[in-house]
Amino acid sequence: MNTAIRAASSSVFGLAILGLLLFLPAGTLDYWQAWVFIATAAVTTIPPTIYLYRINPAALERRMHAGPGAEGRTVQKILITGAFAAFTALLVFSAYDQRRGWSRVPGWVSLLGDGLVAIGFGIAMVVIAQNAYAAATVTVEAGQTLVSSGLYKHVRHPMYVGNFVMMVGIPLALGSYWGLLFVIPAQAVIVIRILDEETLLTEQLPGYREYMQRVRYRLLPYVW
């Protein structure tokens, strides 16, 4: 199966699973926030995926090689499993919050959340365009070179910045304030993942130690 077919199948399957994770705990299909969120996810991922396949299928292949089984380091297998669990819990709890009516989120706040989701996905797409080796796993490939331009001039891990923006936007988009609590453990896992990733990059990617000295901040300038 070629990359294009696999990418299309993965997108359809992913959207179907997303629907189940939202509508089952919500207990209804009358959940406009979920429909808008799914539409936002589709619009911000499918067209860029098609574009990426056309200009750099190898980069798309790297992004599709993901999950605990794809990780080469045991600690990363554990961390990515925890990240997936926290992300799933965020979706399910936010939808269940909608069912129970614990949060009273105005419609405009939900739409703002969708905007954050779109921005988060957009940052991820820019990172992939700027760094063809931006894989979904923690690894250094043969012939990989250091990228220090574009977003990488400002923070060392712009992909995770997009992830954080998206994670904050999701519960708001789904009409849940309480769902924001799940962002905390999810980002704690990402912080540990980053620290371990930098250990690997320092050891195996030429020039990364010097890059760390030039770009001091990992996620947020002047903070961390």
N, C-alpha and C. Protein backbone atom coordinates (compact mmCIF):
# COMPACT_ATOMS: atom_id res chain seq x y z
N MET A 1 0.85 -1.20 0.00
CA MET A 1 0.00 0.00 0.00
C MET A 1 0.89 1.24 0.00
N ASN A 2 0.68 2.15 -0.98
CA ASN A 2 1.55 3.31 -1.05
C ASN A 2 1.20 4.35 0.01
N THR A 3 2.06 5.34 0.12
CA THR A 3 1.91 6.34 1.18
C THR A 3 0.60 7.10 1.09
N ALA A 4 0.18 7.45 -0.14
CA ALA A 4 -1.04 8.24 -0.32
C ALA A 4 -2.26 7.48 0.18
N ILE A 5 -2.36 6.22 -0.18
CA ILE A 5 -3.51 5.42 0.25
C ILE A 5 -3.50 5.22 1.76
N ARG A 6 -2.33 4.96 2.29
CA ARG A 6 -2.21 4.79 3.75
C ARG A 6 -2.60 6.07 4.47
N ALA A 7 -2.16 7.22 3.95
CA ALA A 7 -2.48 8.50 4.58
C ALA A 7 -3.98 8.76 4.54
N ALA A 8 -4.62 8.47 3.39
CA ALA A 8 -6.06 8.68 3.26
C ALA A 8 -6.82 7.75 4.20
N SER A 9 -6.41 6.49 4.25
CA SER A 9 -7.07 5.53 5.13
C SER A 9 -6.90 5.93 6.59
N SER A 10 -5.71 6.39 6.93
CA SER A 10 -5.44 6.80 8.31
C SER A 10 -6.29 8.00 8.69
N SER A 11 -6.48 8.94 7.76
CA SER A 11 -7.28 10.13 8.04
C SER A 11 -8.74 9.77 8.28
N VAL A 12 -9.28 8.93 7.41
CA VAL A 12 -10.69 8.51 7.55
C VAL A 12 -10.88 7.73 8.85
N PHE A 13 -9.98 6.81 9.11
CA PHE A 13 -10.07 6.01 10.34
C PHE A 13 -9.95 6.89 11.57
N GLY A 14 -9.01 7.83 11.52
CA GLY A 14 -8.81 8.73 12.66
C GLY A 14 -10.03 9.58 12.95
N LEU A 15 -10.68 10.10 11.92
CA LEU A 15 -11.88 10.91 12.11
C LEU A 15 -13.03 10.07 12.65
N ALA A 16 -13.11 8.80 12.20
CA ALA A 16 -14.15 7.92 12.71
C ALA A 16 -13.94 7.62 14.20
N ILE A 17 -12.71 7.34 14.58
CA ILE A 17 -12.41 7.10 15.99
C ILE A 17 -12.67 8.35 16.82
N LEU A 18 -12.31 9.50 16.27
CA LEU A 18 -12.56 10.76 16.96
C LEU A 18 -14.05 10.94 17.23
N GLY A 19 -14.87 10.63 16.23
CA GLY A 19 -16.32 10.72 16.42
C GLY A 19 -16.82 9.82 17.53
N LEU A 20 -16.32 8.60 17.59
CA LEU A 20 -16.72 7.66 18.64
C LEU A 20 -16.31 8.17 20.02
N LEU A 21 -15.10 8.71 20.12
CA LEU A 21 -14.60 9.21 21.40
C LEU A 21 -15.37 10.42 21.90
N LEU A 22 -16.06 11.10 20.99
CA LEU A 22 -16.81 12.29 21.39
C LEU A 22 -18.30 12.02 21.56
N PHE A 23 -18.91 11.38 20.60
CA PHE A 23 -20.37 11.24 20.63
C PHE A 23 -20.85 10.16 21.61
N LEU A 24 -20.05 9.12 21.82
CA LEU A 24 -20.46 8.11 22.79
C LEU A 24 -20.51 8.66 24.21
N PRO A 25 -19.44 9.30 24.72
CA PRO A 25 -19.53 9.86 26.07
C PRO A 25 -20.51 11.03 26.16
N ALA A 26 -20.71 11.75 25.05
CA ALA A 26 -21.68 12.85 25.07
C ALA A 26 -23.10 12.30 25.10
N GLY A 27 -23.28 11.08 24.61
CA GLY A 27 -24.60 10.44 24.64
C GLY A 27 -25.58 10.99 23.63
N THR A 28 -25.08 11.72 22.65
CA THR A 28 -25.97 12.32 21.65
C THR A 28 -25.15 12.75 20.43
N LEU A 29 -25.85 12.83 19.30
CA LEU A 29 -25.25 13.41 18.10
C LEU A 29 -25.54 14.90 18.00
N ASP A 30 -26.44 15.37 18.87
CA ASP A 30 -26.80 16.79 18.90
C ASP A 30 -25.76 17.55 19.73
N TYR A 31 -24.58 17.66 19.19
CA TYR A 31 -23.43 18.20 19.90
C TYR A 31 -22.63 19.02 18.88
N TRP A 32 -23.09 20.25 18.64
CA TRP A 32 -22.52 21.04 17.55
C TRP A 32 -21.04 21.33 17.74
N GLN A 33 -20.63 21.46 19.02
CA GLN A 33 -19.22 21.74 19.27
C GLN A 33 -18.33 20.61 18.74
N ALA A 34 -18.80 19.35 18.92
CA ALA A 34 -18.01 18.22 18.43
C ALA A 34 -17.97 18.21 16.91
N TRP A 35 -19.10 18.50 16.25
CA TRP A 35 -19.13 18.52 14.79
C TRP A 35 -18.19 19.59 14.24
N VAL A 36 -18.20 20.76 14.85
CA VAL A 36 -17.31 21.84 14.38
C VAL A 36 -15.85 21.47 14.62
N PHE A 37 -15.58 20.86 15.77
CA PHE A 37 -14.21 20.44 16.08
C PHE A 37 -13.71 19.41 15.07
N ILE A 38 -14.55 18.41 14.76
CA ILE A 38 -14.16 17.38 13.79
C ILE A 38 -13.92 18.02 12.42
N ALA A 39 -14.79 18.96 12.04
CA ALA A 39 -14.61 19.65 10.76
C ALA A 39 -13.30 20.44 10.76
N THR A 40 -13.00 21.09 11.88
CA THR A 40 -11.75 21.85 11.99
C THR A 40 -10.55 20.93 11.85
N ALA A 41 -10.60 19.77 12.53
CA ALA A 41 -9.51 18.81 12.45
C ALA A 41 -9.33 18.31 11.02
N ALA A 42 -10.45 18.06 10.32
CA ALA A 42 -10.36 17.57 8.94
C ALA A 42 -9.77 18.62 8.02
N VAL A 43 -10.25 19.85 8.13
CA VAL A 43 -9.81 20.92 7.23
C VAL A 43 -8.33 21.26 7.45
N THR A 44 -7.89 21.18 8.70
CA THR A 44 -6.51 21.58 9.01
C THR A 44 -5.51 20.45 8.88
N THR A 45 -5.96 19.24 8.62
CA THR A 45 -5.02 18.12 8.47
C THR A 45 -5.03 17.50 7.08
N ILE A 46 -6.21 17.31 6.49
CA ILE A 46 -6.27 16.58 5.22
C ILE A 46 -5.63 17.36 4.07
N PRO A 47 -6.01 18.63 3.81
CA PRO A 47 -5.34 19.36 2.71
C PRO A 47 -3.83 19.48 2.90
N PRO A 48 -3.32 19.82 4.11
CA PRO A 48 -1.86 19.87 4.26
C PRO A 48 -1.19 18.51 4.04
N THR A 49 -1.89 17.43 4.43
CA THR A 49 -1.34 16.09 4.21
C THR A 49 -1.19 15.80 2.72
N ILE A 50 -2.21 16.18 1.95
CA ILE A 50 -2.15 16.00 0.49
C ILE A 50 -1.00 16.82 -0.10
N TYR A 51 -0.89 18.06 0.37
CA TYR A 51 0.18 18.94 -0.11
C TYR A 51 1.56 18.37 0.24
N LEU A 52 1.69 17.86 1.47
CA LEU A 52 2.97 17.30 1.91
C LEU A 52 3.33 16.08 1.08
N TYR A 53 2.33 15.28 0.73
CA TYR A 53 2.58 14.09 -0.10
C TYR A 53 3.10 14.51 -1.47
N ARG A 54 2.58 15.60 -1.99
CA ARG A 54 2.98 16.05 -3.32
C ARG A 54 4.41 16.61 -3.33
N ILE A 55 4.80 17.32 -2.26
CA ILE A 55 6.10 17.98 -2.28
C ILE A 55 7.19 17.18 -1.57
N ASN A 56 6.80 16.35 -0.58
CA ASN A 56 7.82 15.62 0.19
C ASN A 56 7.21 14.37 0.81
N PRO A 57 6.99 13.33 0.00
CA PRO A 57 6.38 12.11 0.53
C PRO A 57 7.21 11.44 1.63
N ALA A 58 8.52 11.63 1.61
CA ALA A 58 9.36 11.04 2.65
C ALA A 58 9.05 11.64 4.01
N ALA A 59 8.80 12.96 4.05
CA ALA A 59 8.44 13.62 5.31
C ALA A 59 7.10 13.11 5.82
N LEU A 60 6.16 12.90 4.90
CA LEU A 60 4.86 12.37 5.30
C LEU A 60 5.02 10.96 5.86
N GLU A 61 5.88 10.17 5.24
CA GLU A 61 6.12 8.81 5.71
C GLU A 61 6.67 8.83 7.14
N ARG A 62 7.55 9.78 7.43
CA ARG A 62 8.10 9.89 8.78
C ARG A 62 7.00 10.23 9.79
N ARG A 63 6.08 11.11 9.41
CA ARG A 63 5.02 11.52 10.33
C ARG A 63 4.04 10.38 10.57
N MET A 64 3.88 9.50 9.59
CA MET A 64 2.93 8.41 9.73
C MET A 64 3.50 7.26 10.55
N HIS A 65 4.81 7.22 10.67
CA HIS A 65 5.46 6.17 11.47
C HIS A 65 5.46 6.64 12.92
N ALA A 66 4.37 6.32 13.62
CA ALA A 66 4.18 6.89 14.95
C ALA A 66 3.61 5.85 15.91
N GLY A 67 3.57 6.22 17.18
CA GLY A 67 2.99 5.34 18.19
C GLY A 67 4.05 4.67 19.04
N PRO A 68 3.65 4.04 20.14
CA PRO A 68 4.62 3.37 21.04
C PRO A 68 5.48 2.34 20.33
N GLY A 69 4.88 1.56 19.42
CA GLY A 69 5.64 0.53 18.73
C GLY A 69 6.70 1.07 17.80
N ALA A 70 6.56 2.32 17.37
CA ALA A 70 7.52 2.91 16.45
C ALA A 70 8.72 3.52 17.17
N GLU A 71 8.59 3.74 18.47
CA GLU A 71 9.68 4.34 19.24
C GLU A 71 10.80 3.32 19.47
N GLY A 72 12.04 3.79 19.36
CA GLY A 72 13.18 2.90 19.57
C GLY A 72 13.67 2.85 21.00
N ARG A 73 13.32 3.84 21.81
CA ARG A 73 13.80 3.92 23.19
C ARG A 73 12.66 3.53 24.13
N THR A 74 12.97 2.70 25.11
CA THR A 74 11.94 2.21 26.03
C THR A 74 11.25 3.35 26.76
N VAL A 75 12.02 4.34 27.20
CA VAL A 75 11.42 5.45 27.93
C VAL A 75 10.43 6.20 27.05
N GLN A 76 10.73 6.31 25.76
CA GLN A 76 9.83 7.00 24.85
C GLN A 76 8.57 6.17 24.56
N LYS A 77 8.71 4.86 24.55
CA LYS A 77 7.52 4.01 24.41
C LYS A 77 6.55 4.26 25.56
N ILE A 78 7.10 4.36 26.76
CA ILE A 78 6.27 4.60 27.95
C ILE A 78 5.65 6.00 27.89
N LEU A 79 6.47 6.98 27.52
CA LEU A 79 6.00 8.37 27.48
C LEU A 79 4.92 8.58 26.43
N ILE A 80 5.11 8.03 25.25
CA ILE A 80 4.11 8.24 24.19
C ILE A 80 2.82 7.51 24.52
N THR A 81 2.92 6.38 25.22
CA THR A 81 1.71 5.69 25.68
C THR A 81 0.95 6.57 26.67
N GLY A 82 1.69 7.20 27.59
CA GLY A 82 1.07 8.12 28.54
C GLY A 82 0.46 9.32 27.86
N ALA A 83 1.13 9.84 26.84
CA ALA A 83 0.60 11.00 26.11
C ALA A 83 -0.69 10.65 25.38
N PHE A 84 -0.72 9.48 24.75
CA PHE A 84 -1.94 9.05 24.05
C PHE A 84 -3.09 8.86 25.04
N ALA A 85 -2.78 8.29 26.21
CA ALA A 85 -3.81 8.06 27.23
C ALA A 85 -4.38 9.38 27.73
N ALA A 86 -3.49 10.37 27.97
CA ALA A 86 -3.95 11.67 28.45
C ALA A 86 -4.78 12.38 27.39
N PHE A 87 -4.38 12.26 26.13
CA PHE A 87 -5.11 12.90 25.04
C PHE A 87 -6.50 12.28 24.90
N THR A 88 -6.57 10.95 24.97
CA THR A 88 -7.86 10.27 24.88
C THR A 88 -8.76 10.66 26.04
N ALA A 89 -8.18 10.73 27.24
CA ALA A 89 -8.96 11.12 28.42
C ALA A 89 -9.48 12.54 28.29
N LEU A 90 -8.66 13.43 27.71
CA LEU A 90 -9.10 14.81 27.49
C LEU A 90 -10.32 14.86 26.60
N LEU A 91 -10.30 14.10 25.51
CA LEU A 91 -11.43 14.09 24.58
C LEU A 91 -12.69 13.53 25.25
N VAL A 92 -12.54 12.37 25.87
CA VAL A 92 -13.69 11.68 26.45
C VAL A 92 -14.29 12.49 27.60
N PHE A 93 -13.44 13.02 28.47
CA PHE A 93 -13.95 13.77 29.61
C PHE A 93 -14.62 15.07 29.16
N SER A 94 -14.05 15.73 28.17
CA SER A 94 -14.65 16.97 27.67
C SER A 94 -16.04 16.71 27.12
N ALA A 95 -16.19 15.60 26.39
CA ALA A 95 -17.50 15.25 25.85
C ALA A 95 -18.47 14.87 26.96
N TYR A 96 -17.97 14.16 27.97
CA TYR A 96 -18.83 13.77 29.09
C TYR A 96 -19.24 14.99 29.91
N ASP A 97 -18.35 15.95 30.01
CA ASP A 97 -18.67 17.22 30.67
C ASP A 97 -19.85 17.88 29.96
N GLN A 98 -19.84 17.85 28.64
CA GLN A 98 -20.94 18.42 27.87
C GLN A 98 -22.25 17.69 28.20
N ARG A 99 -22.17 16.39 28.35
CA ARG A 99 -23.34 15.58 28.67
C ARG A 99 -23.91 15.93 30.04
N ARG A 100 -23.00 16.12 31.00
CA ARG A 100 -23.43 16.38 32.37
C ARG A 100 -23.73 17.86 32.63
N GLY A 101 -23.25 18.72 31.75
CA GLY A 101 -23.51 20.14 31.91
C GLY A 101 -22.74 20.81 33.03
N TRP A 102 -21.53 20.29 33.31
CA TRP A 102 -20.72 20.87 34.38
C TRP A 102 -20.14 22.23 33.99
N SER A 103 -19.83 22.40 32.73
CA SER A 103 -19.26 23.67 32.26
C SER A 103 -20.30 24.45 31.47
N ARG A 104 -20.25 25.75 31.60
CA ARG A 104 -21.11 26.63 30.82
C ARG A 104 -20.21 27.47 29.91
N VAL A 105 -19.87 26.92 28.78
CA VAL A 105 -18.92 27.57 27.88
C VAL A 105 -19.68 28.28 26.77
N PRO A 106 -19.54 29.60 26.65
CA PRO A 106 -20.22 30.33 25.58
C PRO A 106 -19.78 29.82 24.20
N GLY A 107 -20.66 29.98 23.24
CA GLY A 107 -20.34 29.53 21.89
C GLY A 107 -19.09 30.18 21.32
N TRP A 108 -18.89 31.46 21.62
CA TRP A 108 -17.73 32.14 21.06
C TRP A 108 -16.42 31.59 21.64
N VAL A 109 -16.47 31.09 22.89
CA VAL A 109 -15.27 30.49 23.49
C VAL A 109 -14.96 29.17 22.79
N SER A 110 -16.00 28.40 22.47
CA SER A 110 -15.78 27.15 21.73
C SER A 110 -15.18 27.42 20.36
N LEU A 111 -15.66 28.45 19.69
CA LEU A 111 -15.10 28.79 18.38
C LEU A 111 -13.66 29.29 18.52
N LEU A 112 -13.37 30.00 19.61
CA LEU A 112 -11.99 30.40 19.89
C LEU A 112 -11.12 29.16 20.06
N GLY A 113 -11.67 28.15 20.76
CA GLY A 113 -10.94 26.89 20.92
C GLY A 113 -10.64 26.24 19.58
N ASP A 114 -11.62 26.26 18.68
CA ASP A 114 -11.38 25.72 17.33
C ASP A 114 -10.28 26.50 16.63
N GLY A 115 -10.25 27.81 16.85
CA GLY A 115 -9.19 28.62 16.27
C GLY A 115 -7.82 28.21 16.79
N LEU A 116 -7.73 27.92 18.10
CA LEU A 116 -6.46 27.46 18.68
C LEU A 116 -6.06 26.11 18.12
N VAL A 117 -7.04 25.24 17.93
CA VAL A 117 -6.75 23.93 17.33
C VAL A 117 -6.17 24.11 15.93
N ALA A 118 -6.78 24.99 15.15
CA ALA A 118 -6.29 25.24 13.79
C ALA A 118 -4.89 25.83 13.82
N ILE A 119 -4.63 26.75 14.75
CA ILE A 119 -3.30 27.35 14.86
C ILE A 119 -2.27 26.29 15.25
N GLY A 120 -2.64 25.41 16.20
CA GLY A 120 -1.73 24.35 16.62
C GLY A 120 -1.36 23.44 15.47
N PHE A 121 -2.37 23.00 14.70
CA PHE A 121 -2.10 22.17 13.53
C PHE A 121 -1.27 22.95 12.51
N GLY A 122 -1.56 24.24 12.36
CA GLY A 122 -0.82 25.05 11.40
C GLY A 122 0.65 25.15 11.75
N ILE A 123 0.95 25.32 13.04
CA ILE A 123 2.34 25.37 13.48
C ILE A 123 3.04 24.06 13.15
N ALA A 124 2.35 22.94 13.40
CA ALA A 124 2.93 21.63 13.09
C ALA A 124 3.26 21.50 11.62
N MET A 125 2.35 21.98 10.74
CA MET A 125 2.60 21.89 9.31
C MET A 125 3.79 22.76 8.89
N VAL A 126 3.91 23.95 9.50
CA VAL A 126 5.05 24.83 9.19
C VAL A 126 6.35 24.16 9.61
N VAL A 127 6.34 23.51 10.77
CA VAL A 127 7.54 22.82 11.26
C VAL A 127 7.95 21.72 10.27
N ILE A 128 6.99 20.95 9.79
CA ILE A 128 7.30 19.87 8.86
C ILE A 128 7.86 20.44 7.56
N ALA A 129 7.32 21.57 7.12
CA ALA A 129 7.82 22.21 5.90
C ALA A 129 9.25 22.71 6.09
N GLN A 130 9.57 23.17 7.29
CA GLN A 130 10.89 23.72 7.55
C GLN A 130 11.92 22.65 7.91
N ASN A 131 11.44 21.52 8.41
CA ASN A 131 12.34 20.45 8.83
C ASN A 131 11.80 19.11 8.34
N ALA A 132 12.35 18.63 7.25
CA ALA A 132 11.88 17.38 6.65
C ALA A 132 12.11 16.18 7.56
N TYR A 133 12.98 16.34 8.58
CA TYR A 133 13.27 15.24 9.50
C TYR A 133 12.43 15.31 10.77
N ALA A 134 11.40 16.16 10.76
CA ALA A 134 10.52 16.28 11.94
C ALA A 134 9.62 15.05 12.01
N ALA A 135 10.15 13.98 12.57
CA ALA A 135 9.42 12.72 12.65
C ALA A 135 8.51 12.71 13.86
N ALA A 136 7.62 11.71 13.90
CA ALA A 136 6.72 11.55 15.04
C ALA A 136 7.36 10.73 16.14
N THR A 137 8.57 10.24 15.88
CA THR A 137 9.30 9.46 16.87
C THR A 137 10.60 10.18 17.23
N VAL A 138 11.17 9.79 18.36
CA VAL A 138 12.44 10.36 18.79
C VAL A 138 13.55 9.52 18.20
N THR A 139 14.19 10.04 17.16
CA THR A 139 15.24 9.30 16.47
C THR A 139 16.11 10.26 15.70
N VAL A 140 17.31 9.82 15.35
CA VAL A 140 18.20 10.56 14.46
C VAL A 140 18.50 9.64 13.29
N GLU A 141 18.17 10.07 12.08
CA GLU A 141 18.34 9.24 10.90
C GLU A 141 19.70 9.47 10.26
N ALA A 142 20.12 8.49 9.48
CA ALA A 142 21.37 8.62 8.75
C ALA A 142 21.29 9.81 7.80
N GLY A 143 22.29 10.66 7.84
CA GLY A 143 22.31 11.82 6.97
C GLY A 143 21.51 13.01 7.46
N GLN A 144 20.89 12.89 8.62
CA GLN A 144 20.08 14.00 9.14
C GLN A 144 20.96 15.18 9.50
N THR A 145 20.52 16.36 9.14
CA THR A 145 21.26 17.59 9.44
C THR A 145 20.46 18.47 10.39
N LEU A 146 21.16 19.31 11.09
CA LEU A 146 20.54 20.21 12.05
C LEU A 146 19.79 21.33 11.33
N VAL A 147 18.57 21.60 11.77
CA VAL A 147 17.79 22.72 11.25
C VAL A 147 17.71 23.78 12.35
N SER A 148 18.16 24.98 12.04
CA SER A 148 18.16 26.05 13.04
C SER A 148 17.53 27.33 12.52
N SER A 149 16.85 27.25 11.38
CA SER A 149 16.20 28.42 10.79
C SER A 149 14.70 28.35 11.02
N GLY A 150 13.98 29.37 10.54
CA GLY A 150 12.53 29.39 10.70
C GLY A 150 12.12 29.44 12.16
N LEU A 151 11.14 28.65 12.52
CA LEU A 151 10.67 28.63 13.91
C LEU A 151 11.75 28.13 14.86
N TYR A 152 12.69 27.35 14.34
CA TYR A 152 13.75 26.82 15.18
C TYR A 152 14.73 27.90 15.64
N LYS A 153 14.64 29.09 15.08
CA LYS A 153 15.48 30.20 15.56
C LYS A 153 14.99 30.71 16.91
N HIS A 154 13.75 30.43 17.23
CA HIS A 154 13.13 31.01 18.43
C HIS A 154 13.00 30.01 19.58
N VAL A 155 12.64 28.78 19.27
CA VAL A 155 12.55 27.72 20.28
C VAL A 155 13.08 26.42 19.68
N ARG A 156 13.54 25.53 20.54
CA ARG A 156 14.14 24.29 20.05
C ARG A 156 13.10 23.27 19.57
N HIS A 157 11.90 23.37 20.10
CA HIS A 157 10.90 22.34 19.81
C HIS A 157 9.56 22.97 19.39
N PRO A 158 9.53 23.63 18.24
CA PRO A 158 8.29 24.30 17.81
C PRO A 158 7.13 23.34 17.56
N MET A 159 7.44 22.07 17.21
CA MET A 159 6.36 21.10 17.02
C MET A 159 5.55 20.93 18.31
N TYR A 160 6.24 20.89 19.43
CA TYR A 160 5.56 20.73 20.71
C TYR A 160 4.82 22.00 21.12
N VAL A 161 5.27 23.14 20.62
CA VAL A 161 4.53 24.38 20.85
C VAL A 161 3.16 24.28 20.20
N GLY A 162 3.14 23.81 18.94
CA GLY A 162 1.87 23.60 18.26
C GLY A 162 0.99 22.61 18.98
N ASN A 163 1.62 21.55 19.52
CA ASN A 163 0.88 20.55 20.28
C ASN A 163 0.22 21.16 21.50
N PHE A 164 0.94 22.03 22.20
CA PHE A 164 0.40 22.66 23.40
C PHE A 164 -0.78 23.58 23.06
N VAL A 165 -0.62 24.39 22.03
CA VAL A 165 -1.71 25.29 21.61
C VAL A 165 -2.96 24.49 21.26
N MET A 166 -2.76 23.39 20.53
CA MET A 166 -3.88 22.54 20.14
C MET A 166 -4.55 21.92 21.36
N MET A 167 -3.74 21.44 22.31
CA MET A 167 -4.29 20.77 23.50
C MET A 167 -5.12 21.73 24.34
N VAL A 168 -4.70 22.98 24.43
CA VAL A 168 -5.49 23.97 25.17
C VAL A 168 -6.79 24.26 24.45
N GLY A 169 -6.73 24.28 23.12
CA GLY A 169 -7.93 24.60 22.35
C GLY A 169 -8.98 23.52 22.35
N ILE A 170 -8.58 22.25 22.44
CA ILE A 170 -9.54 21.14 22.30
C ILE A 170 -10.67 21.17 23.32
N PRO A 171 -10.39 21.20 24.64
CA PRO A 171 -11.51 21.20 25.58
C PRO A 171 -12.41 22.43 25.44
N LEU A 172 -11.83 23.57 25.12
CA LEU A 172 -12.65 24.77 24.90
C LEU A 172 -13.54 24.57 23.68
N ALA A 173 -12.97 24.01 22.61
CA ALA A 173 -13.75 23.75 21.40
C ALA A 173 -14.90 22.80 21.68
N LEU A 174 -14.70 21.88 22.61
CA LEU A 174 -15.71 20.88 22.93
C LEU A 174 -16.66 21.35 24.03
N GLY A 175 -16.50 22.59 24.48
CA GLY A 175 -17.41 23.15 25.47
C GLY A 175 -17.15 22.70 26.89
N SER A 176 -15.86 22.53 27.23
CA SER A 176 -15.52 22.06 28.57
C SER A 176 -14.37 22.86 29.16
N TYR A 177 -14.61 23.44 30.34
CA TYR A 177 -13.52 24.06 31.09
C TYR A 177 -12.76 23.01 31.89
N TRP A 178 -13.48 22.04 32.43
CA TRP A 178 -12.85 21.01 33.25
C TRP A 178 -11.88 20.16 32.44
N GLY A 179 -12.12 20.03 31.17
CA GLY A 179 -11.21 19.25 30.33
C GLY A 179 -9.81 19.83 30.29
N LEU A 180 -9.68 21.12 30.60
CA LEU A 180 -8.35 21.75 30.61
C LEU A 180 -7.43 21.10 31.64
N LEU A 181 -8.00 20.47 32.67
CA LEU A 181 -7.17 19.82 33.68
C LEU A 181 -6.30 18.72 33.08
N PHE A 182 -6.78 18.08 32.01
CA PHE A 182 -6.02 17.00 31.40
C PHE A 182 -4.86 17.50 30.57
N VAL A 183 -4.82 18.80 30.31
CA VAL A 183 -3.68 19.37 29.60
C VAL A 183 -2.43 19.28 30.46
N ILE A 184 -2.61 19.37 31.79
CA ILE A 184 -1.46 19.37 32.70
C ILE A 184 -0.67 18.06 32.64
N PRO A 185 -1.31 16.88 32.85
CA PRO A 185 -0.51 15.64 32.75
C PRO A 185 0.02 15.40 31.35
N ALA A 186 -0.75 15.79 30.33
CA ALA A 186 -0.29 15.59 28.95
C ALA A 186 0.99 16.39 28.69
N GLN A 187 1.02 17.62 29.17
CA GLN A 187 2.21 18.45 28.95
C GLN A 187 3.36 18.03 29.84
N ALA A 188 3.06 17.48 31.01
CA ALA A 188 4.13 16.95 31.88
C ALA A 188 4.86 15.81 31.16
N VAL A 189 4.10 14.97 30.48
CA VAL A 189 4.70 13.88 29.70
C VAL A 189 5.56 14.45 28.58
N ILE A 190 5.07 15.49 27.91
CA ILE A 190 5.81 16.10 26.81
C ILE A 190 7.13 16.71 27.31
N VAL A 191 7.10 17.33 28.49
CA VAL A 191 8.32 17.92 29.05
C VAL A 191 9.38 16.84 29.27
N ILE A 192 8.96 15.71 29.84
CA ILE A 192 9.91 14.61 30.06
C ILE A 192 10.41 14.07 28.73
N ARG A 193 9.50 13.99 27.76
CA ARG A 193 9.88 13.51 26.42
C ARG A 193 10.92 14.44 25.80
N ILE A 194 10.73 15.73 25.94
CA ILE A 194 11.68 16.70 25.39
C ILE A 194 13.06 16.54 26.01
N LEU A 195 13.11 16.39 27.34
CA LEU A 195 14.39 16.27 28.03
C LEU A 195 15.14 15.02 27.56
N ASP A 196 14.42 13.91 27.40
CA ASP A 196 15.07 12.69 26.91
C ASP A 196 15.47 12.84 25.44
N GLU A 197 14.63 13.51 24.66
CA GLU A 197 14.94 13.73 23.25
C GLU A 197 16.21 14.56 23.10
N GLU A 198 16.37 15.56 23.93
CA GLU A 198 17.56 16.41 23.83
C GLU A 198 18.82 15.64 24.21
N THR A 199 18.68 14.68 25.11
CA THR A 199 19.83 13.83 25.44
C THR A 199 20.29 13.07 24.21
N LEU A 200 19.32 12.50 23.48
CA LEU A 200 19.64 11.75 22.27
C LEU A 200 20.23 12.67 21.20
N LEU A 201 19.61 13.83 20.99
CA LEU A 201 20.07 14.74 19.95
C LEU A 201 21.48 15.26 20.24
N THR A 202 21.75 15.52 21.50
CA THR A 202 23.09 16.00 21.88
C THR A 202 24.14 14.95 21.57
N GLU A 203 23.78 13.68 21.76
CA GLU A 203 24.73 12.60 21.54
C GLU A 203 24.90 12.26 20.07
N GLN A 204 23.84 12.36 19.27
CA GLN A 204 23.87 11.78 17.92
C GLN A 204 23.74 12.78 16.77
N LEU A 205 23.22 13.99 17.03
CA LEU A 205 23.03 14.95 15.94
C LEU A 205 24.15 16.00 15.96
N PRO A 206 25.02 16.01 14.97
CA PRO A 206 26.13 16.97 14.95
C PRO A 206 25.64 18.42 15.03
N GLY A 207 26.25 19.19 15.93
CA GLY A 207 25.94 20.60 16.06
C GLY A 207 24.82 20.91 17.03
N TYR A 208 24.16 19.88 17.57
CA TYR A 208 23.00 20.17 18.43
C TYR A 208 23.41 20.80 19.75
N ARG A 209 24.55 20.42 20.30
CA ARG A 209 24.99 21.01 21.56
C ARG A 209 25.22 22.51 21.39
N GLU A 210 25.84 22.89 20.29
CA GLU A 210 26.07 24.31 20.02
C GLU A 210 24.75 25.04 19.76
N TYR A 211 23.83 24.35 19.09
CA TYR A 211 22.51 24.93 18.84
C TYR A 211 21.79 25.23 20.16
N MET A 212 21.90 24.35 21.13
CA MET A 212 21.28 24.56 22.43
C MET A 212 21.84 25.80 23.12
N GLN A 213 23.10 26.09 22.87
CA GLN A 213 23.71 27.28 23.47
C GLN A 213 23.22 28.56 22.80
N ARG A 214 22.91 28.47 21.50
CA ARG A 214 22.42 29.64 20.77
C ARG A 214 20.93 29.88 21.04
N VAL A 215 20.15 28.81 21.05
CA VAL A 215 18.70 28.91 21.30
C VAL A 215 18.44 28.32 22.67
N ARG A 216 18.24 29.18 23.64
CA ARG A 216 18.21 28.74 25.05
C ARG A 216 16.88 28.14 25.45
N TYR A 217 15.81 28.47 24.75
CA TYR A 217 14.48 28.09 25.23
C TYR A 217 13.89 26.95 24.40
N ARG A 218 13.25 26.05 25.13
CA ARG A 218 12.69 24.86 24.48
C ARG A 218 11.31 25.11 23.89
N LEU A 219 10.42 25.71 24.67
CA LEU A 219 9.03 25.90 24.23
C LEU A 219 8.58 27.35 24.21
N LEU A 220 8.91 28.08 25.27
CA LEU A 220 8.42 29.45 25.41
C LEU A 220 9.58 30.39 25.71
N PRO A 221 9.84 31.34 24.80
CA PRO A 221 10.97 32.26 25.02
C PRO A 221 10.88 32.96 26.37
N TYR A 222 12.02 33.03 27.04
CA TYR A 222 12.19 33.70 28.32
C TYR A 222 11.51 32.97 29.50
N VAL A 223 10.96 31.78 29.20
CA VAL A 223 10.33 31.00 30.29
C VAL A 223 11.02 29.63 30.39
N TRP A 224 10.95 28.81 29.33
CA TRP A 224 11.55 27.46 29.37
C TRP A 224 11.84 26.96 27.97
